[in-house]
């Protein structure tokens, strides 16, 4: 199994980065009417939250319980995070930012 310190460091780093990203996405959802109503955008936020919970949560639980089977949830959380980025990219292709010259 993964070393406890390495697992905890990884969980904390991802938790910090993705928590900040989720806050930014939530603020954008509240302040941007058409983007905020997009099913793709809302789905990406939900996937980011779920992925973060499963990814970091499995690492936190694995460290606390010292049960290596709990670490099996980490790749599922990673897949959810990757899917989140794809959903966000799909959203941004539908709602491109205007280019000012």
Protein backbone atom coordinates (compact mmCIF):
# COMPACT_ATOMS: atom_id res chain seq x y z
CA UNK A 1 0.00 0.00 0.00
CA UNK A 2 0.88 3.63 -0.44
CA UNK A 3 2.88 5.26 2.36
CA UNK A 4 0.66 7.09 4.84
CA UNK A 5 2.52 10.40 4.60
CA UNK A 6 2.51 10.34 0.80
CA UNK A 7 -1.21 9.44 0.72
CA UNK A 8 -2.09 12.20 3.16
CA UNK A 9 0.04 14.78 1.29
CA UNK A 10 -1.66 13.82 -1.98
CA UNK A 11 -5.15 13.98 -0.47
CA UNK A 12 -4.53 17.41 1.08
CA UNK A 13 -2.98 18.85 -2.11
CA UNK A 14 -5.87 17.70 -4.31
CA UNK A 15 -8.39 18.80 -1.70
CA UNK A 16 -6.94 22.32 -1.61
CA UNK A 17 -6.70 22.76 -5.37
CA UNK A 18 -10.09 21.29 -6.25
CA UNK A 19 -11.93 22.98 -3.37
CA UNK A 20 -10.69 26.33 -4.69
CA UNK A 21 -11.68 25.40 -8.22
CA UNK A 22 -15.16 24.35 -7.10
CA UNK A 23 -15.64 27.70 -5.33
CA UNK A 24 -14.60 29.60 -8.47
CA UNK A 25 -16.94 27.51 -10.65
CA UNK A 26 -19.81 28.02 -8.21
CA UNK A 27 -19.30 31.80 -8.18
CA UNK A 28 -19.20 31.82 -11.99
CA UNK A 29 -22.41 29.80 -12.05
CA UNK A 30 -24.14 32.36 -9.86
CA UNK A 31 -22.87 35.39 -11.78
CA UNK A 32 -23.19 34.16 -15.37
CA UNK A 33 -26.80 33.56 -16.38
CA UNK A 34 -26.60 31.39 -19.49
CA UNK A 35 -23.48 29.52 -18.42
CA UNK A 36 -24.95 28.87 -14.97
CA UNK A 37 -28.02 27.25 -16.51
CA UNK A 38 -26.02 24.87 -18.69
CA UNK A 39 -26.57 21.20 -17.83
CA UNK A 40 -22.96 20.47 -18.86
CA UNK A 41 -21.61 23.13 -16.51
CA UNK A 42 -23.71 21.99 -13.57
CA UNK A 43 -22.71 18.39 -14.28
CA UNK A 44 -19.03 19.34 -14.30
CA UNK A 45 -19.38 21.00 -10.88
CA UNK A 46 -21.17 17.94 -9.51
CA UNK A 47 -18.47 15.65 -10.94
CA UNK A 48 -15.72 17.82 -9.46
CA UNK A 49 -17.35 17.60 -6.04
CA UNK A 50 -17.97 13.84 -6.30
CA UNK A 51 -14.49 13.17 -7.64
CA UNK A 52 -12.89 15.18 -4.88
CA UNK A 53 -14.95 13.40 -2.24
CA UNK A 54 -14.10 9.94 -3.57
CA UNK A 55 -10.44 10.66 -4.43
CA UNK A 56 -9.35 12.53 -1.32
CA UNK A 57 -11.87 10.77 0.90
CA UNK A 58 -10.52 7.33 0.05
CA UNK A 59 -6.99 8.53 0.77
CA UNK A 60 -8.02 10.09 4.10
CA UNK A 61 -9.93 6.96 5.11
CA UNK A 62 -7.10 4.70 4.00
CA UNK A 63 -4.63 6.59 6.16
CA UNK A 64 -6.97 6.66 9.17
CA UNK A 65 -7.98 2.98 9.03
CA UNK A 66 -4.74 1.55 7.59
CA UNK A 67 -6.96 -0.62 5.38
CA UNK A 68 -5.35 -0.90 1.92
CA UNK A 69 -8.65 -1.93 0.30
CA UNK A 70 -10.03 1.56 0.82
CA UNK A 71 -7.39 2.91 -1.57
CA UNK A 72 -9.27 1.14 -4.38
CA UNK A 73 -11.66 4.10 -4.43
CA UNK A 74 -8.89 6.52 -5.35
CA UNK A 75 -8.80 5.68 -9.09
CA UNK A 76 -12.60 6.01 -9.28
CA UNK A 77 -12.30 9.50 -7.83
CA UNK A 78 -9.55 10.25 -10.34
CA UNK A 79 -11.78 9.14 -13.21
CA UNK A 80 -14.57 11.39 -11.93
CA UNK A 81 -12.12 14.31 -11.84
CA UNK A 82 -11.02 13.60 -15.42
CA UNK A 83 -14.65 13.40 -16.51
CA UNK A 84 -15.24 16.76 -14.81
CA UNK A 85 -12.57 18.39 -16.94
CA UNK A 86 -14.11 16.92 -20.09
CA UNK A 87 -17.56 18.20 -19.12
CA UNK A 88 -16.11 21.64 -18.41
CA UNK A 89 -14.31 21.63 -21.77
CA UNK A 90 -17.57 20.65 -23.49
CA UNK A 91 -19.30 23.54 -21.74
CA UNK A 92 -16.66 26.04 -22.78
CA UNK A 93 -16.92 24.99 -26.43
CA UNK A 94 -20.65 25.70 -26.29
CA UNK A 95 -20.26 28.97 -24.37
CA UNK A 96 -16.98 30.42 -25.69
CA UNK A 97 -15.70 33.59 -24.10
CA UNK A 98 -15.94 36.57 -26.46
CA UNK A 99 -12.59 37.66 -27.84
CA UNK A 100 -11.94 41.36 -27.58
CA UNK A 101 -9.44 42.98 -29.88
